[in-house]
Amino acid sequence: MTRALIALMLLLPVSACDQMSHQPRYDSYEPSSLFADGKSMQAPPDGAIARDDPERLAALQQKPAMSLGLIERGRERFDIYCTPCHDHAGYGQGAVPARGFPHPPSFHIARLREAPSSYFVDVITQGHGVMYSYADRVMPADRWAIAAYIRALQLSQDPPVAALSPDERAKLGEGGS
């Protein structure tokens, strides 16, 4: 008797779940009193952009000219999307890996220093390894801006000697800091 009661109690909630599959809905072109225009299928809101929009895809193919504004925009976007994993200096020591997730590679390793900027744009677009795609979050022009900022980070951490002033080169020759 007790087993039958327990079995009945366990089956009772499962039988109630079928109500989810019988919810009211509208077909695409069916009239609806829900919206003011009487249609169930509504136009996308103003400013909505399709993923395969030709202008958006064209922006992905066109590398913009390097400028201070581009680097500043890249820094802003990098701080928002990239620093949780890559940290502010690009060494891959962000807050996410500090909590047990895999460490991304440092942007300062030789392989990534030698990679073309389009590589970074492609990784942002497609994802790589455990990094998922940011194509739905980062606009194509901003992907190029992030790539430009990564180049600035790489340069800031290992500037070529030719870029140093004569005084700074003299300090290097002395073994100075």
N, C-alpha and C. Protein backbone atom coordinates (compact mmCIF):
# COMPACT_ATOMS: atom_id res chain seq x y z
N MET A 1 0.82 -1.19 0.00
CA MET A 1 0.00 0.00 0.00
C MET A 1 0.86 1.26 0.00
N THR A 2 1.91 1.27 0.84
CA THR A 2 2.79 2.42 0.92
C THR A 2 3.54 2.63 -0.40
N ARG A 3 3.99 1.54 -1.00
CA ARG A 3 4.71 1.64 -2.28
C ARG A 3 3.80 2.20 -3.36
N ALA A 4 2.60 1.78 -3.40
CA ALA A 4 1.66 2.27 -4.41
C ALA A 4 1.40 3.77 -4.21
N LEU A 5 1.29 4.20 -2.96
CA LEU A 5 1.07 5.61 -2.66
C LEU A 5 2.28 6.45 -3.08
N ILE A 6 3.49 5.94 -2.80
CA ILE A 6 4.71 6.66 -3.19
C ILE A 6 4.80 6.75 -4.72
N ALA A 7 4.50 5.66 -5.42
CA ALA A 7 4.55 5.65 -6.88
C ALA A 7 3.53 6.64 -7.44
N LEU A 8 2.34 6.68 -6.87
CA LEU A 8 1.33 7.63 -7.31
C LEU A 8 1.78 9.07 -7.08
N MET A 9 2.41 9.34 -5.95
CA MET A 9 2.89 10.69 -5.64
C MET A 9 4.00 11.12 -6.60
N LEU A 10 4.84 10.17 -7.02
CA LEU A 10 5.92 10.49 -7.96
C LEU A 10 5.39 10.70 -9.38
N LEU A 11 4.35 10.00 -9.77
CA LEU A 11 3.80 10.14 -11.11
C LEU A 11 2.89 11.35 -11.26
N LEU A 12 2.33 11.82 -10.19
CA LEU A 12 1.42 12.96 -10.25
C LEU A 12 2.07 14.22 -10.83
N PRO A 13 3.26 14.64 -10.37
CA PRO A 13 3.87 15.85 -10.96
C PRO A 13 4.25 15.67 -12.43
N VAL A 14 4.64 14.47 -12.82
CA VAL A 14 5.04 14.23 -14.21
C VAL A 14 3.84 14.41 -15.14
N SER A 15 2.67 14.00 -14.71
CA SER A 15 1.49 14.12 -15.56
C SER A 15 1.09 15.58 -15.77
N ALA A 16 1.46 16.45 -14.87
CA ALA A 16 1.11 17.87 -14.99
C ALA A 16 1.99 18.59 -16.01
N CYS A 17 3.13 18.03 -16.36
CA CYS A 17 4.08 18.68 -17.26
C CYS A 17 3.56 18.79 -18.69
N ASP A 18 2.58 18.01 -19.07
CA ASP A 18 2.10 18.02 -20.44
C ASP A 18 1.42 19.34 -20.80
N GLN A 19 1.05 20.13 -19.82
CA GLN A 19 0.40 21.40 -20.11
C GLN A 19 1.34 22.34 -20.86
N MET A 20 2.63 22.16 -20.71
CA MET A 20 3.60 23.02 -21.39
C MET A 20 3.53 22.85 -22.91
N SER A 21 3.19 21.66 -23.39
CA SER A 21 3.16 21.43 -24.83
C SER A 21 1.86 21.91 -25.47
N HIS A 22 0.91 22.33 -24.70
CA HIS A 22 -0.38 22.77 -25.23
C HIS A 22 -0.63 24.24 -24.92
N GLN A 23 0.41 25.06 -25.02
CA GLN A 23 0.26 26.48 -24.75
C GLN A 23 -0.31 27.18 -25.98
N PRO A 24 -1.08 28.24 -25.76
CA PRO A 24 -1.61 28.98 -26.91
C PRO A 24 -0.47 29.68 -27.65
N ARG A 25 -0.57 29.71 -28.98
CA ARG A 25 0.45 30.36 -29.80
C ARG A 25 -0.20 30.84 -31.09
N TYR A 26 0.52 31.64 -31.82
CA TYR A 26 0.06 32.15 -33.10
C TYR A 26 0.93 31.58 -34.21
N ASP A 27 0.33 31.30 -35.36
CA ASP A 27 1.11 30.98 -36.54
C ASP A 27 1.58 32.30 -37.16
N SER A 28 2.55 32.23 -38.05
CA SER A 28 3.20 33.44 -38.58
C SER A 28 2.25 34.49 -39.12
N TYR A 29 1.33 34.11 -39.96
CA TYR A 29 0.46 35.11 -40.62
C TYR A 29 -0.95 35.15 -40.03
N GLU A 30 -1.13 34.57 -38.89
CA GLU A 30 -2.43 34.54 -38.23
C GLU A 30 -2.74 35.91 -37.61
N PRO A 31 -3.99 36.37 -37.71
CA PRO A 31 -4.35 37.64 -37.06
C PRO A 31 -4.18 37.53 -35.54
N SER A 32 -3.84 38.66 -34.92
CA SER A 32 -3.62 38.68 -33.48
C SER A 32 -4.18 39.96 -32.89
N SER A 33 -4.82 39.83 -31.77
CA SER A 33 -5.31 41.02 -31.06
C SER A 33 -4.26 41.52 -30.07
N LEU A 34 -3.14 40.83 -30.00
CA LEU A 34 -2.09 41.19 -29.06
C LEU A 34 -1.39 42.50 -29.45
N PHE A 35 -1.22 42.73 -30.77
CA PHE A 35 -0.52 43.92 -31.25
C PHE A 35 -1.50 44.89 -31.89
N ALA A 36 -1.14 46.16 -31.89
CA ALA A 36 -2.02 47.21 -32.40
C ALA A 36 -2.31 47.06 -33.89
N ASP A 37 -1.35 46.51 -34.66
CA ASP A 37 -1.58 46.38 -36.10
C ASP A 37 -2.35 45.11 -36.46
N GLY A 38 -2.71 44.29 -35.48
CA GLY A 38 -3.52 43.10 -35.70
C GLY A 38 -2.77 41.92 -36.31
N LYS A 39 -1.45 42.01 -36.43
CA LYS A 39 -0.66 40.93 -37.01
C LYS A 39 0.11 40.19 -35.91
N SER A 40 0.27 38.89 -36.09
CA SER A 40 1.05 38.14 -35.11
C SER A 40 2.54 38.22 -35.42
N MET A 41 2.90 38.33 -36.70
CA MET A 41 4.31 38.43 -37.08
C MET A 41 4.68 39.90 -37.19
N GLN A 42 5.64 40.33 -36.38
CA GLN A 42 6.03 41.73 -36.31
C GLN A 42 7.36 41.96 -37.01
N ALA A 43 7.54 43.15 -37.53
CA ALA A 43 8.81 43.54 -38.15
C ALA A 43 9.88 43.67 -37.07
N PRO A 44 11.14 43.44 -37.41
CA PRO A 44 12.22 43.63 -36.41
C PRO A 44 12.25 45.07 -35.95
N PRO A 45 12.70 45.31 -34.75
CA PRO A 45 12.76 46.68 -34.25
C PRO A 45 13.78 47.51 -35.04
N ASP A 46 13.60 48.83 -35.00
CA ASP A 46 14.54 49.73 -35.69
C ASP A 46 15.95 49.49 -35.16
N GLY A 47 16.90 49.46 -36.08
CA GLY A 47 18.30 49.27 -35.69
C GLY A 47 18.74 47.82 -35.65
N ALA A 48 17.83 46.88 -35.82
CA ALA A 48 18.21 45.47 -35.81
C ALA A 48 19.03 45.17 -37.06
N ILE A 49 20.08 44.37 -36.90
CA ILE A 49 20.97 44.04 -38.01
C ILE A 49 21.04 42.53 -38.15
N ALA A 50 20.84 42.05 -39.36
CA ALA A 50 20.95 40.62 -39.61
C ALA A 50 22.40 40.18 -39.53
N ARG A 51 22.64 38.96 -39.09
CA ARG A 51 24.01 38.47 -38.96
C ARG A 51 24.74 38.44 -40.30
N ASP A 52 24.01 38.16 -41.37
CA ASP A 52 24.65 38.08 -42.69
C ASP A 52 24.45 39.37 -43.49
N ASP A 53 24.29 40.48 -42.81
CA ASP A 53 24.12 41.77 -43.46
C ASP A 53 25.37 42.10 -44.29
N PRO A 54 25.21 42.43 -45.57
CA PRO A 54 26.37 42.68 -46.44
C PRO A 54 27.29 43.80 -45.93
N GLU A 55 26.72 44.87 -45.40
CA GLU A 55 27.55 45.96 -44.89
C GLU A 55 28.39 45.50 -43.71
N ARG A 56 27.78 44.70 -42.86
CA ARG A 56 28.49 44.18 -41.68
C ARG A 56 29.63 43.26 -42.11
N LEU A 57 29.37 42.39 -43.09
CA LEU A 57 30.40 41.49 -43.58
C LEU A 57 31.50 42.24 -44.30
N ALA A 58 31.15 43.31 -45.02
CA ALA A 58 32.15 44.11 -45.72
C ALA A 58 33.08 44.79 -44.71
N ALA A 59 32.54 45.24 -43.58
CA ALA A 59 33.37 45.87 -42.55
C ALA A 59 34.37 44.88 -41.98
N LEU A 60 34.03 43.62 -41.99
CA LEU A 60 34.93 42.59 -41.48
C LEU A 60 36.10 42.36 -42.44
N GLN A 61 35.86 42.57 -43.72
CA GLN A 61 36.90 42.34 -44.73
C GLN A 61 37.83 43.53 -44.91
N GLN A 62 37.42 44.71 -44.48
CA GLN A 62 38.20 45.92 -44.71
C GLN A 62 38.96 46.32 -43.45
N LYS A 63 40.26 46.18 -43.50
CA LYS A 63 41.09 46.60 -42.37
C LYS A 63 41.16 48.12 -42.36
N PRO A 64 40.75 48.76 -41.27
CA PRO A 64 40.78 50.23 -41.24
C PRO A 64 42.21 50.75 -41.09
N ALA A 65 42.41 52.00 -41.44
CA ALA A 65 43.71 52.64 -41.29
C ALA A 65 44.02 52.80 -39.80
N MET A 66 45.26 52.61 -39.43
CA MET A 66 45.68 52.76 -38.04
C MET A 66 45.57 54.22 -37.64
N SER A 67 44.96 54.44 -36.48
CA SER A 67 44.83 55.80 -35.96
C SER A 67 44.71 55.73 -34.44
N LEU A 68 44.94 56.85 -33.79
CA LEU A 68 44.81 56.90 -32.34
C LEU A 68 43.38 56.59 -31.92
N GLY A 69 42.41 57.09 -32.68
CA GLY A 69 41.00 56.81 -32.37
C GLY A 69 40.68 55.33 -32.44
N LEU A 70 41.26 54.65 -33.42
CA LEU A 70 41.04 53.20 -33.55
C LEU A 70 41.62 52.46 -32.35
N ILE A 71 42.80 52.84 -31.93
CA ILE A 71 43.43 52.18 -30.78
C ILE A 71 42.65 52.48 -29.50
N GLU A 72 42.17 53.70 -29.35
CA GLU A 72 41.38 54.04 -28.16
C GLU A 72 40.08 53.24 -28.13
N ARG A 73 39.43 53.10 -29.27
CA ARG A 73 38.21 52.29 -29.35
C ARG A 73 38.55 50.83 -29.04
N GLY A 74 39.68 50.36 -29.56
CA GLY A 74 40.12 48.99 -29.29
C GLY A 74 40.37 48.76 -27.82
N ARG A 75 40.96 49.74 -27.16
CA ARG A 75 41.20 49.59 -25.72
C ARG A 75 39.89 49.49 -24.96
N GLU A 76 38.96 50.34 -25.32
CA GLU A 76 37.65 50.31 -24.66
C GLU A 76 36.98 48.94 -24.82
N ARG A 77 36.96 48.42 -26.06
CA ARG A 77 36.35 47.11 -26.33
C ARG A 77 37.16 45.98 -25.69
N PHE A 78 38.49 46.09 -25.71
CA PHE A 78 39.35 45.08 -25.09
C PHE A 78 39.05 45.01 -23.59
N ASP A 79 38.94 46.17 -22.94
CA ASP A 79 38.65 46.19 -21.50
C ASP A 79 37.31 45.54 -21.20
N ILE A 80 36.35 45.69 -22.08
CA ILE A 80 35.03 45.11 -21.85
C ILE A 80 35.03 43.60 -22.09
N TYR A 81 35.53 43.17 -23.24
CA TYR A 81 35.37 41.78 -23.66
C TYR A 81 36.57 40.87 -23.38
N CYS A 82 37.76 41.41 -23.35
CA CYS A 82 38.96 40.55 -23.34
C CYS A 82 39.64 40.44 -21.98
N THR A 83 39.61 41.50 -21.18
CA THR A 83 40.36 41.47 -19.92
C THR A 83 39.91 40.41 -18.93
N PRO A 84 38.65 39.96 -18.93
CA PRO A 84 38.33 38.91 -17.96
C PRO A 84 39.21 37.67 -18.10
N CYS A 85 39.66 37.37 -19.31
CA CYS A 85 40.54 36.22 -19.51
C CYS A 85 41.99 36.63 -19.77
N HIS A 86 42.20 37.67 -20.59
CA HIS A 86 43.54 38.02 -21.05
C HIS A 86 44.25 39.02 -20.16
N ASP A 87 43.63 39.61 -19.19
CA ASP A 87 44.09 40.67 -18.29
C ASP A 87 44.41 41.94 -19.07
N HIS A 88 44.63 43.02 -18.35
CA HIS A 88 44.80 44.33 -18.99
C HIS A 88 46.08 44.44 -19.81
N ALA A 89 47.09 43.66 -19.49
CA ALA A 89 48.36 43.73 -20.23
C ALA A 89 48.45 42.65 -21.30
N GLY A 90 47.49 41.72 -21.36
CA GLY A 90 47.48 40.71 -22.41
C GLY A 90 48.31 39.48 -22.13
N TYR A 91 48.60 39.19 -20.87
CA TYR A 91 49.41 38.02 -20.53
C TYR A 91 48.59 36.76 -20.25
N GLY A 92 47.27 36.84 -20.29
CA GLY A 92 46.43 35.67 -20.06
C GLY A 92 46.24 35.34 -18.60
N GLN A 93 46.39 36.32 -17.73
CA GLN A 93 46.28 36.10 -16.29
C GLN A 93 45.05 36.81 -15.71
N GLY A 94 43.94 36.78 -16.44
CA GLY A 94 42.74 37.48 -16.01
C GLY A 94 42.02 36.79 -14.88
N ALA A 95 40.88 37.34 -14.49
CA ALA A 95 40.09 36.83 -13.37
C ALA A 95 39.49 35.46 -13.68
N VAL A 96 39.11 35.21 -14.91
CA VAL A 96 38.48 33.93 -15.27
C VAL A 96 39.47 32.78 -15.11
N PRO A 97 40.69 32.85 -15.69
CA PRO A 97 41.64 31.76 -15.48
C PRO A 97 42.08 31.63 -14.03
N ALA A 98 42.05 32.73 -13.28
CA ALA A 98 42.42 32.67 -11.87
C ALA A 98 41.44 31.82 -11.06
N ARG A 99 40.26 31.59 -11.63
CA ARG A 99 39.24 30.79 -10.95
C ARG A 99 39.17 29.37 -11.50
N GLY A 100 40.21 28.94 -12.21
CA GLY A 100 40.29 27.55 -12.61
C GLY A 100 40.05 27.26 -14.08
N PHE A 101 39.68 28.24 -14.86
CA PHE A 101 39.50 28.00 -16.29
C PHE A 101 40.86 27.98 -16.98
N PRO A 102 40.95 27.40 -18.17
CA PRO A 102 42.24 27.36 -18.87
C PRO A 102 42.77 28.76 -19.16
N HIS A 103 44.08 28.91 -19.04
CA HIS A 103 44.73 30.19 -19.33
C HIS A 103 44.85 30.37 -20.84
N PRO A 104 44.44 31.53 -21.35
CA PRO A 104 44.67 31.79 -22.77
C PRO A 104 46.15 32.09 -22.98
N PRO A 105 46.62 31.99 -24.21
CA PRO A 105 48.03 32.31 -24.45
C PRO A 105 48.28 33.81 -24.27
N SER A 106 49.48 34.14 -23.90
CA SER A 106 49.89 35.54 -23.80
C SER A 106 49.97 36.11 -25.20
N PHE A 107 49.56 37.36 -25.36
CA PHE A 107 49.69 38.03 -26.66
C PHE A 107 51.16 38.36 -26.96
N HIS A 108 52.03 38.13 -25.98
CA HIS A 108 53.43 38.53 -26.11
C HIS A 108 54.34 37.38 -26.50
N ILE A 109 53.79 36.22 -26.78
CA ILE A 109 54.63 35.11 -27.25
C ILE A 109 54.95 35.34 -28.73
N ALA A 110 56.02 34.73 -29.18
CA ALA A 110 56.49 34.96 -30.56
C ALA A 110 55.42 34.60 -31.60
N ARG A 111 54.71 33.50 -31.40
CA ARG A 111 53.70 33.07 -32.37
C ARG A 111 52.65 34.15 -32.59
N LEU A 112 52.19 34.80 -31.52
CA LEU A 112 51.15 35.82 -31.66
C LEU A 112 51.72 37.17 -32.05
N ARG A 113 52.98 37.43 -31.76
CA ARG A 113 53.61 38.67 -32.23
C ARG A 113 53.76 38.64 -33.75
N GLU A 114 54.01 37.45 -34.30
CA GLU A 114 54.23 37.29 -35.73
C GLU A 114 52.93 37.09 -36.51
N ALA A 115 51.84 36.80 -35.81
CA ALA A 115 50.56 36.56 -36.49
C ALA A 115 50.03 37.87 -37.09
N PRO A 116 49.38 37.80 -38.23
CA PRO A 116 48.79 39.02 -38.80
C PRO A 116 47.60 39.48 -37.96
N SER A 117 47.28 40.74 -38.06
CA SER A 117 46.14 41.28 -37.30
C SER A 117 44.85 40.57 -37.66
N SER A 118 44.74 40.11 -38.91
CA SER A 118 43.53 39.39 -39.33
C SER A 118 43.34 38.11 -38.52
N TYR A 119 44.42 37.55 -37.98
CA TYR A 119 44.31 36.36 -37.13
C TYR A 119 43.48 36.67 -35.89
N PHE A 120 43.75 37.80 -35.24
CA PHE A 120 43.00 38.18 -34.04
C PHE A 120 41.53 38.44 -34.37
N VAL A 121 41.29 39.08 -35.52
CA VAL A 121 39.91 39.33 -35.96
C VAL A 121 39.20 38.00 -36.17
N ASP A 122 39.89 37.04 -36.79
CA ASP A 122 39.30 35.72 -37.04
C ASP A 122 39.01 34.98 -35.74
N VAL A 123 39.90 35.06 -34.78
CA VAL A 123 39.67 34.39 -33.49
C VAL A 123 38.49 35.03 -32.76
N ILE A 124 38.38 36.35 -32.81
CA ILE A 124 37.22 37.01 -32.19
C ILE A 124 35.94 36.56 -32.89
N THR A 125 36.00 36.41 -34.21
CA THR A 125 34.82 36.05 -35.00
C THR A 125 34.44 34.58 -34.82
N GLN A 126 35.41 33.68 -34.93
CA GLN A 126 35.14 32.25 -34.94
C GLN A 126 35.34 31.57 -33.59
N GLY A 127 36.12 32.19 -32.71
CA GLY A 127 36.51 31.52 -31.48
C GLY A 127 37.73 30.65 -31.76
N HIS A 128 38.36 30.16 -30.70
CA HIS A 128 39.55 29.31 -30.86
C HIS A 128 39.78 28.58 -29.54
N GLY A 129 40.01 27.27 -29.61
CA GLY A 129 40.21 26.51 -28.38
C GLY A 129 38.98 26.58 -27.50
N VAL A 130 39.16 26.99 -26.25
CA VAL A 130 38.01 27.11 -25.35
C VAL A 130 37.35 28.48 -25.42
N MET A 131 37.93 29.39 -26.20
CA MET A 131 37.30 30.71 -26.38
C MET A 131 36.19 30.60 -27.40
N TYR A 132 35.01 31.01 -27.01
CA TYR A 132 33.87 30.96 -27.93
C TYR A 132 33.86 32.21 -28.81
N SER A 133 33.05 32.16 -29.83
CA SER A 133 32.95 33.26 -30.78
C SER A 133 32.32 34.49 -30.12
N TYR A 134 32.86 35.65 -30.46
CA TYR A 134 32.29 36.91 -30.01
C TYR A 134 31.60 37.64 -31.16
N ALA A 135 31.31 36.92 -32.24
CA ALA A 135 30.73 37.54 -33.43
C ALA A 135 29.38 38.19 -33.14
N ASP A 136 28.64 37.65 -32.19
CA ASP A 136 27.34 38.24 -31.89
C ASP A 136 27.43 39.37 -30.86
N ARG A 137 28.61 39.61 -30.31
CA ARG A 137 28.78 40.64 -29.29
C ARG A 137 29.61 41.82 -29.77
N VAL A 138 30.61 41.54 -30.61
CA VAL A 138 31.55 42.58 -31.03
C VAL A 138 31.33 42.87 -32.51
N MET A 139 31.03 44.12 -32.82
CA MET A 139 30.82 44.54 -34.21
C MET A 139 32.11 44.34 -35.01
N PRO A 140 32.01 44.07 -36.32
CA PRO A 140 33.21 43.84 -37.12
C PRO A 140 34.25 44.96 -37.03
N ALA A 141 33.83 46.20 -37.09
CA ALA A 141 34.80 47.30 -37.01
C ALA A 141 35.50 47.30 -35.65
N ASP A 142 34.79 46.91 -34.60
CA ASP A 142 35.39 46.85 -33.28
C ASP A 142 36.37 45.69 -33.15
N ARG A 143 36.19 44.64 -33.94
CA ARG A 143 37.15 43.52 -33.93
C ARG A 143 38.50 44.00 -34.45
N TRP A 144 38.46 44.84 -35.50
CA TRP A 144 39.70 45.42 -36.02
C TRP A 144 40.31 46.36 -35.00
N ALA A 145 39.48 47.10 -34.28
CA ALA A 145 39.99 48.02 -33.26
C ALA A 145 40.67 47.23 -32.13
N ILE A 146 40.09 46.13 -31.73
CA ILE A 146 40.70 45.29 -30.70
C ILE A 146 42.04 44.74 -31.19
N ALA A 147 42.09 44.30 -32.44
CA ALA A 147 43.35 43.80 -33.02
C ALA A 147 44.41 44.90 -33.01
N ALA A 148 44.03 46.13 -33.34
CA ALA A 148 44.98 47.24 -33.32
C ALA A 148 45.47 47.49 -31.89
N TYR A 149 44.58 47.39 -30.91
CA TYR A 149 44.99 47.59 -29.52
C TYR A 149 45.91 46.47 -29.05
N ILE A 150 45.66 45.24 -29.50
CA ILE A 150 46.56 44.13 -29.15
C ILE A 150 47.96 44.43 -29.69
N ARG A 151 48.04 44.97 -30.90
CA ARG A 151 49.35 45.36 -31.47
C ARG A 151 50.01 46.42 -30.59
N ALA A 152 49.23 47.38 -30.11
CA ALA A 152 49.78 48.42 -29.23
C ALA A 152 50.27 47.80 -27.92
N LEU A 153 49.52 46.84 -27.38
CA LEU A 153 49.95 46.15 -26.16
C LEU A 153 51.27 45.42 -26.39
N GLN A 154 51.36 44.73 -27.52
CA GLN A 154 52.59 43.99 -27.83
C GLN A 154 53.78 44.94 -27.93
N LEU A 155 53.56 46.07 -28.57
CA LEU A 155 54.64 47.05 -28.70
C LEU A 155 55.01 47.65 -27.35
N SER A 156 54.03 47.86 -26.49
CA SER A 156 54.29 48.48 -25.18
C SER A 156 55.10 47.56 -24.27
N GLN A 157 54.99 46.26 -24.45
CA GLN A 157 55.68 45.32 -23.57
C GLN A 157 57.07 44.93 -24.08
N ASP A 158 57.33 45.17 -25.36
CA ASP A 158 58.63 44.81 -25.93
C ASP A 158 58.95 45.75 -27.09
N PRO A 159 59.23 47.02 -26.79
CA PRO A 159 59.47 47.97 -27.89
C PRO A 159 60.80 47.67 -28.58
N PRO A 160 60.85 47.90 -29.88
CA PRO A 160 62.13 47.73 -30.57
C PRO A 160 63.11 48.81 -30.12
N VAL A 161 64.39 48.48 -30.08
CA VAL A 161 65.41 49.41 -29.62
C VAL A 161 65.40 50.68 -30.46
N ALA A 162 65.11 50.57 -31.75
CA ALA A 162 65.09 51.73 -32.63
C ALA A 162 64.02 52.75 -32.22
N ALA A 163 63.01 52.32 -31.49
CA ALA A 163 61.95 53.22 -31.07
C ALA A 163 62.32 54.00 -29.81
N LEU A 164 63.42 53.65 -29.18
CA LEU A 164 63.83 54.30 -27.95
C LEU A 164 64.61 55.58 -28.24
N SER A 165 64.56 56.50 -27.30
CA SER A 165 65.32 57.75 -27.43
C SER A 165 66.80 57.43 -27.19
N PRO A 166 67.71 58.32 -27.62
CA PRO A 166 69.14 58.08 -27.37
C PRO A 166 69.47 57.90 -25.89
N ASP A 167 68.79 58.66 -25.01
CA ASP A 167 69.04 58.51 -23.57
C ASP A 167 68.61 57.13 -23.08
N GLU A 168 67.46 56.65 -23.57
CA GLU A 168 66.98 55.33 -23.16
C GLU A 168 67.91 54.23 -23.69
N ARG A 169 68.43 54.42 -24.91
CA ARG A 169 69.38 53.43 -25.45
C ARG A 169 70.66 53.42 -24.64
N ALA A 170 71.10 54.59 -24.20
CA ALA A 170 72.31 54.66 -23.37
C ALA A 170 72.11 53.93 -22.05
N LYS A 171 70.92 54.07 -21.46
CA LYS A 171 70.62 53.35 -20.21
C LYS A 171 70.65 51.84 -20.44
N LEU A 172 70.15 51.40 -21.58
CA LEU A 172 70.21 49.96 -21.89
C LEU A 172 71.65 49.48 -21.99
N GLY A 173 72.50 50.30 -22.61
CA GLY A 173 73.91 49.94 -22.75
C GLY A 173 74.61 49.87 -21.41
N GLU A 174 74.15 50.68 -20.44
CA GLU A 174 74.74 50.69 -19.10
C GLU A 174 74.19 49.56 -18.24
N GLY A 175 73.13 48.90 -18.72
CA GLY A 175 72.48 47.88 -17.89
C GLY A 175 71.51 48.53 -16.90
N GLY A 176 71.10 49.76 -17.22
CA GLY A 176 70.16 50.48 -16.34
C GLY A 176 68.76 49.94 -16.45
N SER A 177 67.89 50.47 -15.60
CA SER A 177 66.52 50.01 -15.59
C SER A 177 65.82 50.59 -16.76
